[in-house]
């Protein structure tokens, strides 16, 4: 029997993404990213308030820096929990400050050069993990789980409900299935 190449296991992975959907479209997305093995190292919850650890501060800074790296990214609500992040992000139609339609300035991001949700998430996980591992003086353990959960937000009502869910998440930590302690 022939040995598997590095790409073959990837071909057999079942994708949890919506088949045929363009994840670079300018819509809002709700995402959840969990730490590796649900390790509770990003924050502590006390009195329904989030208190970030050093690792959590690094993650927060990496998250807030995403629009500098990806100018079409719009960050909405987010919360860092002990072992996961919930967030809403969206993509703008073009780079902020562009004058679409003006003869003198075309958008600087072409439809083929738009970042995707997967690309932004990979960059965020990579930058934050490198910084956390540097702070810890180790590289032997992953920071994040391999995948992430995403949901395309389709209505303003759903957007509002998702915002409420994010803001109330610390109040539900004691009964949250992600709380493994």
Protein backbone atom coordinates (compact mmCIF):
# COMPACT_ATOMS: atom_id res chain seq x y z
CA UNK A 1 0.00 0.00 0.00
CA UNK A 2 1.30 3.47 -0.90
CA UNK A 3 2.05 5.99 1.84
CA UNK A 4 -0.30 8.95 2.25
CA UNK A 5 1.01 12.30 1.13
CA UNK A 6 0.58 15.34 3.37
CA UNK A 7 -2.38 16.52 1.26
CA UNK A 8 -4.36 13.27 1.24
CA UNK A 9 -5.71 13.41 4.83
CA UNK A 10 -6.92 16.93 4.09
CA UNK A 11 -8.97 15.68 1.11
CA UNK A 12 -10.88 13.33 3.39
CA UNK A 13 -11.75 15.94 6.03
CA UNK A 14 -15.41 16.81 6.23
CA UNK A 15 -15.91 20.54 5.95
CA UNK A 16 -18.36 22.25 8.29
CA UNK A 17 -18.59 25.28 5.99
CA UNK A 18 -21.63 26.05 3.84
CA UNK A 19 -20.93 24.37 0.50
CA UNK A 20 -20.57 26.86 -2.34
CA UNK A 21 -20.74 29.95 -0.11
CA UNK A 22 -18.21 32.74 -0.73
CA UNK A 23 -16.85 33.54 2.74
CA UNK A 24 -15.34 36.81 1.51
CA UNK A 25 -18.76 38.38 0.90
CA UNK A 26 -19.55 41.61 2.77
CA UNK A 27 -21.90 40.09 5.36
CA UNK A 28 -21.70 39.60 9.12
CA UNK A 29 -20.34 36.37 10.59
CA UNK A 30 -20.62 35.01 14.13
CA UNK A 31 -17.56 32.96 15.06
CA UNK A 32 -16.45 30.93 18.04
CA UNK A 33 -12.82 29.90 18.41
CA UNK A 34 -11.86 27.50 21.21
CA UNK A 35 -8.52 26.96 22.87
CA UNK A 36 -6.67 23.70 22.40
CA UNK A 37 -8.23 21.00 24.59
CA UNK A 38 -10.50 23.70 26.08
CA UNK A 39 -7.62 24.94 28.22
CA UNK A 40 -8.90 27.80 30.39
CA UNK A 41 -6.06 30.25 29.93
CA UNK A 42 -7.58 33.37 28.38
CA UNK A 43 -9.64 34.78 31.25
CA UNK A 44 -11.27 34.20 34.60
CA UNK A 45 -14.95 34.94 35.23
CA UNK A 46 -15.72 36.48 38.62
CA UNK A 47 -19.04 38.05 39.48
CA UNK A 48 -20.13 37.74 35.84
CA UNK A 49 -17.17 39.91 34.78
CA UNK A 50 -14.34 38.86 32.48
CA UNK A 51 -10.81 39.33 33.83
CA UNK A 52 -8.24 38.70 31.11
CA UNK A 53 -5.02 36.82 31.73
CA UNK A 54 -1.79 37.84 29.99
CA UNK A 55 -2.67 35.38 27.22
CA UNK A 56 -6.14 36.94 27.02
CA UNK A 57 -4.63 40.42 26.66
CA UNK A 58 -2.51 39.13 23.78
CA UNK A 59 -5.57 37.60 22.11
CA UNK A 60 -7.56 40.81 22.61
CA UNK A 61 -4.78 42.90 21.03
CA UNK A 62 -4.45 40.50 18.08
CA UNK A 63 -8.23 40.61 17.55
CA UNK A 64 -8.40 44.40 17.67
CA UNK A 65 -5.48 44.65 15.22
CA UNK A 66 -7.25 42.67 12.48
CA UNK A 67 -8.56 45.79 10.65
CA UNK A 68 -4.98 47.08 10.31
CA UNK A 69 -3.96 43.83 8.64
CA UNK A 70 -7.20 43.42 6.67
CA UNK A 71 -8.67 46.88 5.87
CA UNK A 72 -12.06 45.47 4.82
CA UNK A 73 -12.61 43.74 8.17
CA UNK A 74 -15.16 45.38 10.45
CA UNK A 75 -15.11 44.19 14.06
CA UNK A 76 -18.34 44.22 15.98
CA UNK A 77 -19.00 42.73 19.42
CA UNK A 78 -16.72 40.12 20.95
CA UNK A 79 -16.06 38.50 24.29
CA UNK A 80 -13.11 36.50 25.51
CA UNK A 81 -14.09 33.66 27.80
CA UNK A 82 -11.69 31.39 29.74
CA UNK A 83 -11.39 28.91 26.86
CA UNK A 84 -13.03 30.50 23.83
CA UNK A 85 -13.79 33.68 21.94
CA UNK A 86 -17.17 34.70 20.55
CA UNK A 87 -17.21 37.48 17.99
CA UNK A 88 -19.08 39.14 15.17
CA UNK A 89 -17.08 40.41 12.25
CA UNK A 90 -18.01 41.58 8.79
CA UNK A 91 -16.34 42.59 5.57
CA UNK A 92 -16.82 46.01 4.00
CA UNK A 93 -17.53 46.28 0.29
CA UNK A 94 -14.20 48.08 -0.17
CA UNK A 95 -11.37 49.58 1.81
CA UNK A 96 -12.45 52.42 4.12
CA UNK A 97 -11.83 55.77 2.48
CA UNK A 98 -12.22 54.44 -1.05
CA UNK A 99 -14.50 56.38 -3.33
CA UNK A 100 -16.11 53.62 -5.30
CA UNK A 101 -17.41 54.85 -8.60
CA UNK A 102 -15.18 57.90 -8.67
CA UNK A 103 -13.18 58.06 -11.89
CA UNK A 104 -10.06 59.20 -10.07
CA UNK A 105 -9.85 56.41 -7.52
CA UNK A 106 -10.77 52.79 -7.98
CA UNK A 107 -11.12 50.52 -4.93
CA UNK A 108 -7.76 49.16 -3.82
CA UNK A 109 -9.17 45.71 -3.10
CA UNK A 110 -10.35 43.82 -6.14
CA UNK A 111 -13.07 41.18 -5.84
CA UNK A 112 -10.42 38.49 -6.29
CA UNK A 113 -8.17 39.96 -3.57
CA UNK A 114 -10.77 40.15 -0.79
CA UNK A 115 -9.82 38.32 2.39
CA UNK A 116 -12.00 35.41 3.40
CA UNK A 117 -13.30 34.50 6.84
CA UNK A 118 -10.97 31.51 6.85
CA UNK A 119 -7.95 33.63 5.93
CA UNK A 120 -8.68 36.23 8.60
CA UNK A 121 -9.30 33.54 11.23
CA UNK A 122 -6.09 31.70 10.31
CA UNK A 123 -4.08 34.92 10.54
CA UNK A 124 -5.64 35.82 13.91
CA UNK A 125 -4.99 32.36 15.36
CA UNK A 126 -1.42 32.34 14.05
CA UNK A 127 -0.46 35.83 15.26
CA UNK A 128 -2.01 35.34 18.70
CA UNK A 129 -0.54 31.83 19.15
CA UNK A 130 2.96 33.00 18.20
CA UNK A 131 2.74 35.86 20.69
CA UNK A 132 1.35 33.66 23.47
CA UNK A 133 4.00 31.00 22.92
CA UNK A 134 6.71 33.67 22.88
CA UNK A 135 5.38 35.04 26.19
CA UNK A 136 5.34 31.53 27.69
CA UNK A 137 8.75 30.65 26.28
CA UNK A 138 7.41 27.51 24.63
CA UNK A 139 6.32 26.26 21.24
CA UNK A 140 5.50 22.65 22.04
CA UNK A 141 1.74 23.02 22.57
CA UNK A 142 -0.96 24.48 20.30
CA UNK A 143 -2.93 27.44 21.61
CA UNK A 144 -6.08 27.00 19.49
CA UNK A 145 -8.12 24.03 18.37
CA UNK A 146 -7.77 23.23 14.67
CA UNK A 147 -11.16 24.48 13.48
CA UNK A 148 -13.67 27.14 14.46
CA UNK A 149 -17.45 27.54 14.45
CA UNK A 150 -19.02 30.09 12.14
CA UNK A 151 -22.54 31.22 11.37
CA UNK A 152 -23.60 33.63 8.64
CA UNK A 153 -25.83 36.30 10.17
CA UNK A 154 -28.68 36.87 7.74
CA UNK A 155 -31.04 39.39 9.39
CA UNK A 156 -30.83 42.42 11.65
CA UNK A 157 -32.87 40.53 14.26
CA UNK A 158 -30.35 37.68 14.19
CA UNK A 159 -27.53 40.24 14.47
CA UNK A 160 -29.16 41.75 17.58
CA UNK A 161 -29.77 38.31 19.13
CA UNK A 162 -26.14 37.34 18.52
CA UNK A 163 -24.91 40.59 20.10
CA UNK A 164 -27.07 39.86 23.14
CA UNK A 165 -25.71 36.29 23.33
CA UNK A 166 -22.13 37.61 23.25
CA UNK A 167 -22.74 40.23 25.95
CA UNK A 168 -24.56 37.80 28.24
CA UNK A 169 -22.06 34.97 27.82
CA UNK A 170 -20.04 35.78 30.98
CA UNK A 171 -23.27 35.65 33.03
CA UNK A 172 -23.88 32.08 31.82
CA UNK A 173 -20.34 30.80 32.40
CA UNK A 174 -21.27 28.71 35.45
CA UNK A 175 -23.67 26.65 33.31
CA UNK A 176 -21.80 26.89 29.98
CA UNK A 177 -20.96 23.49 28.42
CA UNK A 178 -17.55 24.99 27.47
CA UNK A 179 -16.80 25.44 31.20
CA UNK A 180 -14.82 22.30 31.94
CA UNK A 181 -13.71 23.33 35.44
